[in-house]
Protein backbone atom coordinates (compact mmCIF):
# COMPACT_ATOMS: atom_id res chain seq x y z
CA MET A 1 0.03 -0.01 -0.09
CA ILE A 2 1.34 3.45 -0.91
CA HIS A 3 0.99 6.37 1.52
CA GLN A 4 1.37 9.99 0.87
CA ALA A 5 4.30 11.63 2.63
CA SER A 6 4.44 15.02 3.90
CA HIS A 7 7.47 17.17 4.45
CA SER A 8 5.90 18.85 7.51
CA PRO A 9 3.39 16.39 9.16
CA GLN A 10 0.62 17.96 10.92
CA PRO A 11 -1.66 16.52 13.81
CA ASP A 12 -5.35 15.82 12.80
CA GLU A 13 -7.89 16.62 15.59
CA LEU A 14 -11.00 14.64 15.64
CA SER A 15 -13.27 17.51 16.16
CA THR A 16 -16.79 15.81 16.20
CA VAL A 17 -17.74 12.19 16.80
CA PRO A 18 -21.40 11.30 16.31
CA LEU A 19 -21.31 9.17 19.48
CA GLY A 20 -25.06 8.98 19.69
CA ARG A 21 -25.06 6.71 16.54
CA LEU A 22 -23.18 4.03 18.42
CA SER A 23 -26.03 3.71 20.93
CA HIS A 24 -28.44 3.90 18.04
CA TRP A 25 -26.78 1.01 16.05
CA ALA A 26 -26.36 -1.19 19.22
CA SER A 27 -29.99 -0.79 19.90
CA VAL A 28 -31.34 -1.41 16.46
CA ARG A 29 -28.60 -3.86 15.05
CA PRO A 30 -27.13 -5.29 18.10
CA GLU A 31 -26.20 -8.71 16.57
CA GLN A 32 -25.04 -7.31 13.15
CA VAL A 33 -21.28 -7.31 12.30
CA ALA A 34 -19.73 -3.91 13.12
CA LEU A 35 -15.94 -4.66 12.75
CA LEU A 36 -13.96 -7.43 11.30
CA HIS A 37 -10.09 -7.77 11.69
CA LYS A 38 -7.62 -10.41 11.02
CA ARG A 39 -5.28 -10.98 13.98
CA ARG A 40 -2.59 -13.54 14.23
CA GLY A 41 -3.94 -15.35 11.07
CA ARG A 42 -7.57 -15.47 12.44
CA TRP A 43 -10.39 -13.26 11.83
CA LYS A 44 -12.08 -11.61 14.85
CA ALA A 45 -15.64 -10.04 14.73
CA TRP A 46 -17.40 -7.55 16.83
CA ARG A 47 -21.22 -6.97 16.76
CA TRP A 48 -22.56 -3.49 17.43
CA SER A 49 -23.57 -4.52 20.96
CA ASP A 50 -19.84 -5.61 21.37
CA VAL A 51 -18.45 -2.26 20.26
CA ALA A 52 -20.77 -0.48 22.58
CA ASP A 53 -19.67 -2.73 25.51
CA ASP A 54 -16.11 -2.44 24.78
CA VAL A 55 -16.38 1.44 24.52
CA ALA A 56 -18.07 1.55 27.92
CA ARG A 57 -15.40 -0.56 29.40
CA LEU A 58 -12.67 1.49 27.92
CA ARG A 59 -14.24 4.65 28.97
CA ASP A 60 -14.34 3.50 32.63
CA ALA A 61 -10.61 2.56 32.37
CA PHE A 62 -9.73 5.91 30.96
CA ARG A 63 -11.42 7.66 33.81
CA GLN A 64 -9.48 5.48 36.32
CA GLN A 65 -6.36 6.58 34.46
CA GLY A 66 -7.25 10.27 35.06
CA PHE A 67 -8.32 10.85 31.52
CA GLY A 68 -10.86 13.60 31.34
CA ALA A 69 -12.18 16.54 29.55
CA ASP A 70 -8.64 18.22 29.73
CA ALA A 71 -6.94 15.15 28.37
CA HIS A 72 -5.55 14.54 24.84
CA LEU A 73 -5.04 11.27 23.23
CA VAL A 74 -2.79 10.91 20.25
CA LEU A 75 -3.28 7.97 17.99
CA SER A 76 -0.80 6.67 15.47
CA GLY A 77 -0.96 3.42 13.59
CA ALA A 78 -3.06 1.36 11.03
CA PHE A 79 -6.70 1.73 11.22
CA GLU A 80 -8.08 -1.36 13.00
CA PRO A 81 -10.66 -2.07 15.90
CA THR A 82 -8.28 -1.13 18.91
CA LEU A 83 -7.46 2.26 17.48
CA MET A 84 -11.29 2.93 16.60
CA LEU A 85 -12.41 1.89 20.02
CA LEU A 86 -9.84 4.04 21.90
CA ALA A 87 -10.86 6.97 19.75
CA LEU A 88 -14.56 6.46 20.69
CA ALA A 89 -13.89 5.85 24.43
CA ALA A 90 -11.47 9.16 24.82
CA ALA A 91 -14.32 11.16 22.86
CA SER A 92 -17.09 9.71 25.01
CA VAL A 93 -15.45 11.03 28.18
CA GLY A 94 -14.95 14.61 26.67
CA GLY A 95 -11.24 14.19 25.86
CA LYS A 96 -9.52 15.49 22.81
CA VAL A 97 -8.42 12.97 20.11
CA HIS A 98 -5.68 13.60 17.66
CA SER A 99 -4.00 11.35 14.98
CA LEU A 100 -0.36 11.56 13.88
CA PRO A 101 1.26 10.09 10.73
CA ARG A 102 3.32 6.90 11.50
CA THR A 103 6.06 8.51 8.96
CA ALA A 104 6.89 11.24 11.46
CA THR A 105 10.57 11.36 12.49
CA ALA A 106 11.65 11.42 16.04
CA VAL A 107 12.09 15.20 16.01
CA GLU A 108 8.71 15.86 14.10
CA LEU A 109 6.94 13.48 16.70
CA ARG A 110 8.34 15.62 19.63
CA ALA A 111 7.04 18.58 18.13
CA LEU A 112 3.72 17.07 17.27
CA LEU A 113 3.27 15.77 20.71
CA ASP A 114 4.01 19.32 22.08
CA ALA A 115 1.44 20.91 19.67
CA THR A 116 -1.35 18.56 20.66
CA HIS A 117 -0.68 18.80 24.40
CA SER A 118 -0.75 15.17 24.41
CA THR A 119 -1.17 13.25 27.92
CA HIS A 120 -1.72 9.79 26.33
CA VAL A 121 -0.43 8.17 23.25
CA TYR A 122 -1.20 4.99 21.50
CA LEU A 123 1.35 3.60 19.12
CA GLU A 124 0.79 0.15 17.39
CA ASP A 125 4.36 -1.13 17.38
CA ARG A 126 7.84 -1.15 19.31
CA GLN A 127 9.34 0.79 16.47
CA GLY A 128 7.08 3.83 17.41
CA PHE A 129 8.09 3.60 21.18
CA ALA A 130 11.63 3.67 20.15
CA LYS A 131 11.05 6.78 18.16
CA VAL A 132 9.26 8.30 21.08
CA LEU A 133 12.21 7.53 23.32
CA ALA A 134 14.53 9.12 20.64
CA ALA A 135 12.30 12.47 20.82
CA GLY A 136 13.42 12.91 24.46
CA ASP A 137 11.30 13.78 27.48
CA CYS A 138 8.39 16.14 26.64
CA GLY A 139 9.30 18.65 29.53
CA PRO A 140 7.90 18.12 32.89
CA ARG A 141 4.64 16.34 31.60
CA LYS A 142 3.94 12.75 32.63
CA LEU A 143 2.85 10.94 29.74
CA VAL A 144 0.88 7.65 29.30
CA LEU A 145 1.68 5.27 26.43
CA LEU A 146 -0.92 2.82 25.47
CA SER A 147 0.63 -0.24 23.66
CA PRO A 148 -0.80 -3.37 22.27
CA LYS A 149 2.64 -5.09 22.55
CA LEU A 150 4.86 -3.82 25.33
CA ALA A 151 4.64 -4.85 29.04
CA ALA A 152 3.77 -2.45 31.73
CA ARG A 153 6.73 -0.23 32.85
CA HIS A 154 8.22 3.34 33.41
CA HIS A 155 10.90 5.12 31.39
CA GLY A 156 11.52 8.55 32.32
CA ASN A 157 8.33 10.53 31.99
CA TRP A 158 6.60 7.80 30.21
CA ARG A 159 4.48 5.18 31.80
CA VAL A 160 3.54 2.20 29.47
CA VAL A 161 0.15 0.86 29.89
CA PRO A 162 -0.59 -2.44 27.91
CA VAL A 163 -3.97 -1.87 26.08
CA ALA A 164 -5.14 -5.37 27.50
CA GLU A 165 -5.16 -4.03 30.94
CA LEU A 166 -7.73 -1.36 29.83
CA HIS A 167 -9.94 -4.08 28.30
CA GLY A 168 -10.02 -6.30 31.22
CA GLU A 169 -10.02 -10.09 31.14
CA ASN A 170 -11.68 -10.73 28.01
CA GLY A 171 -10.45 -7.67 25.96
CA VAL A 172 -10.92 -7.21 22.24
CA GLU A 173 -9.41 -10.62 21.33
CA SER A 174 -12.70 -12.31 21.97
CA LEU A 175 -14.24 -14.09 18.78
CA ARG A 176 -17.78 -12.91 19.09
CA LEU A 177 -19.29 -14.34 16.10
CA ARG A 178 -19.02 -17.43 14.07
CA TRP A 179 -16.88 -17.03 10.98
CA ARG A 180 -19.60 -17.87 8.21
CA PRO A 181 -22.16 -15.26 8.84
CA ALA A 182 -19.41 -12.65 9.67
CA LYS A 183 -17.81 -13.30 6.42
CA GLN A 184 -21.05 -13.01 4.46
CA ALA A 185 -21.86 -9.67 6.22
CA ALA A 186 -21.88 -6.51 4.05
CA THR A 187 -18.64 -4.61 4.96
CA ALA A 188 -16.71 -1.60 3.78
CA TRP A 189 -12.78 -2.46 3.49
CA VAL A 190 -10.28 -0.15 4.91
CA GLU A 191 -6.60 -0.53 4.49
CA ASP A 192 -5.22 2.88 5.58
CA SER A 193 -3.56 4.45 8.65
CA THR A 194 -3.18 7.70 10.38
CA ASP A 195 -0.69 8.65 7.50
CA TRP A 196 -4.09 9.54 5.82
CA ALA A 197 -4.70 13.29 6.57
CA GLY A 198 -8.24 13.55 7.94
CA GLY A 199 -8.73 9.83 7.43
CA LEU A 200 -9.69 8.89 11.00
CA ALA A 201 -12.48 11.42 11.18
CA HIS A 202 -13.58 10.32 7.61
CA VAL A 203 -13.71 6.59 8.41
CA LEU A 204 -15.26 6.95 11.88
CA GLY A 205 -17.79 9.45 10.60
CA TYR A 206 -19.01 7.11 7.67
CA TRP A 207 -19.01 3.99 9.93
CA LEU A 208 -21.24 5.48 12.64
CA GLU A 209 -23.57 7.40 10.20
CA SER A 210 -23.97 4.34 8.06
CA GLY A 211 -24.15 1.56 10.39
CA GLU A 212 -22.20 -0.59 7.94
CA GLY A 213 -19.53 -2.94 9.15
CA LEU A 214 -15.80 -2.16 8.54
CA ALA A 215 -13.35 -4.68 7.72
CA PHE A 216 -9.58 -4.34 8.22
CA PRO A 217 -6.55 -6.47 7.10
CA GLU A 218 -4.10 -8.01 9.51
CA SER A 219 -1.32 -5.63 8.34
CA LEU A 220 -0.99 -3.20 5.29
CA GLU A 221 1.43 -5.69 3.80
CA SER A 222 -1.06 -8.59 3.96
CA ALA A 223 -3.98 -6.54 2.68
CA ALA A 224 -4.22 -8.02 -0.74
CA GLN A 225 -4.56 -11.53 0.67
CA ASP A 226 -6.72 -10.59 3.52
CA ARG A 227 -9.19 -8.56 1.15
CA ARG A 228 -9.48 -11.93 -0.89
CA ASP A 229 -10.63 -13.57 2.35
CA ILE A 230 -13.47 -11.11 3.00
CA SER A 231 -14.43 -10.02 -0.54
CA PRO A 232 -16.03 -6.89 0.82
CA SER A 233 -19.01 -5.22 -0.56
CA ALA A 234 -17.60 -1.65 -0.49
CA LEU A 235 -14.32 0.15 -0.53
CA LEU A 236 -13.40 3.00 1.79
CA LEU A 237 -9.79 4.07 0.76
CA SER A 238 -7.73 7.26 0.75
CA PRO A 239 -6.70 8.69 -2.51
CA ALA A 240 -3.30 7.15 -1.77
CA GLY A 241 -4.98 3.84 -1.18
CA LEU A 242 -6.82 4.02 -4.40
CA HIS A 243 -3.52 4.81 -6.29
CA GLY A 244 -2.09 1.74 -4.46
CA LEU A 245 -4.85 -0.41 -5.73
CA SER A 246 -4.03 0.89 -9.30
CA GLY A 247 -0.59 -0.38 -8.65
CA GLU A 248 -1.61 -3.82 -7.56
CA ILE A 249 -3.85 -4.07 -10.66
CA GLU A 250 -0.91 -3.06 -12.76
CA SER A 251 1.36 -5.76 -11.21
CA ARG A 252 -1.13 -8.43 -12.32
CA LEU A 253 -1.05 -7.39 -15.89
CA ALA A 254 1.14 -8.49 -18.69
CA PRO A 255 4.25 -6.23 -19.26
CA GLU A 256 3.60 -2.96 -21.09
CA GLY A 257 3.80 -3.29 -25.05
CA SER A 258 3.43 -7.10 -24.83
CA LEU A 259 0.83 -8.87 -27.33
CA ARG A 260 -1.16 -10.03 -24.28
CA ARG A 261 -1.23 -6.36 -22.67
CA ARG A 262 -2.38 -4.84 -26.17
CA LEU A 263 -5.12 -7.36 -26.28
CA VAL A 264 -6.36 -6.60 -22.79
CA GLU A 265 -6.14 -2.77 -23.70
CA SER A 266 -8.13 -3.33 -26.72
CA LEU A 267 -10.84 -5.03 -24.88
CA VAL A 268 -11.01 -2.06 -22.39
CA ARG A 269 -11.49 0.38 -25.12
CA GLN A 270 -14.69 -1.29 -26.14
CA PRO A 271 -17.52 0.44 -24.36
CA ARG A 272 -19.52 -2.74 -24.12
CA GLY A 273 -19.06 -6.38 -24.67
CA GLY A 274 -19.07 -9.79 -23.09
CA LEU A 275 -15.14 -10.06 -23.05
CA ARG A 276 -14.93 -6.57 -21.43
CA ARG A 277 -17.31 -7.82 -18.67
CA ARG A 278 -15.32 -11.08 -18.17
CA LEU A 279 -12.13 -9.23 -17.93
CA LYS A 280 -13.66 -7.00 -15.25
CA GLY A 281 -15.04 -9.75 -13.43
CA ARG A 282 -11.65 -11.57 -13.39
CA MET A 283 -9.83 -8.47 -12.15
CA ARG A 284 -12.32 -8.05 -9.34
CA GLY A 285 -12.06 -11.81 -8.30
CA GLN A 286 -8.28 -11.67 -8.37
CA LEU A 287 -8.42 -8.48 -6.24
CA GLY A 288 -10.93 -10.09 -3.68
CA LEU A 289 -13.57 -7.69 -4.71
CA ARG A 290 -16.24 -9.96 -6.54
CA ARG A 291 -18.95 -8.75 -4.10
CA LEU A 292 -18.01 -4.99 -4.71
CA GLU A 293 -21.07 -2.69 -4.95
CA ARG A 294 -19.96 0.63 -3.78
CA VAL A 295 -17.00 2.91 -3.47
CA ILE A 296 -16.94 5.50 -0.51
CA ARG A 297 -14.87 8.19 -2.25
CA PRO A 298 -12.74 10.64 -0.25
CA ALA A 299 -13.51 14.27 -0.60
CA THR A 300 -11.41 14.53 -3.76
CA PRO A 301 -12.51 14.64 -7.43
CA ALA A 302 -12.99 11.04 -8.69
CA SER A 303 -10.56 11.89 -11.63
CA ALA A 304 -7.76 12.46 -9.21
CA VAL A 305 -8.12 9.18 -7.36
CA ALA A 306 -9.60 6.65 -9.64
CA GLY A 307 -8.26 6.72 -13.16
CA GLY A 308 -7.26 3.94 -15.67
CA TRP A 309 -7.68 0.53 -14.44
CA VAL A 310 -9.29 1.62 -11.27
CA ALA A 311 -11.88 3.35 -13.38
CA LEU A 312 -12.57 -0.01 -15.21
CA LEU A 313 -12.71 -2.05 -11.84
CA LEU A 314 -15.11 0.46 -10.13
CA GLU A 315 -17.71 0.61 -13.14
CA GLU A 316 -21.17 0.18 -11.85
CA ALA A 317 -19.88 0.72 -8.27
CA SER A 318 -21.20 4.16 -7.28
């Protein structure tokens, strides 16, 4: 997956979160799939009722950690359920939520943490923690690092709190639904991270307003294979994500200028025809998009994010 880099990364603040919609979906669709995520080679599923329960549990844990209306949570990592649930829980207690690009250097990270007045930071991997340490202490402030992979410890002004401790005994690792009905649920596929400027607000907003389930790969590197497991009914990707999908399509085609490539391109130029439809169907199958019905486009002109082969793939998907 290709992500856009920025020479001067800026923090994104999650200004508004339609939290009332979470209660709504937990009430009217308690048993329907809200989140799907592949972890350690196995798919995990959350119903809307599970999401509401996890957010309530995290909200109580945040309050016990001293997180309140004057606190600031910074999130950096791939979009997946833990990051989404932490954002909802922090917002539900009135705290401020920010996202930072994973591409930030140690110096940039220090500046971004200062700019957001951060009190709590979530980082998805150990490399991020090493970068935080390289950035140095953030003055006299005591900061809490929420980590899915590190054990509880103190390091200078940092206190590491394992995310599992916030969730309690069961945590988000529970498989709450059987695989077959979870796989068959209508879901929007997301394979982006906080590198997407404004992406967290876009994804959270769409999810809570629509009530449609979201599906995430185990990692951005395994996204292509994981997408084929799920065959989502919709795509929710950043402009960079759509360009990455275009590159994935290109890698599956014959070399430029070859006879086979020219044949494929001649079929594409035909506005109608059975061979064109067969080509599009085969392409969707290879990409794990056989069930694709819709594309939730970013606030960017379609011509800027979905040209060429992606345009063919997304035909008839509004």
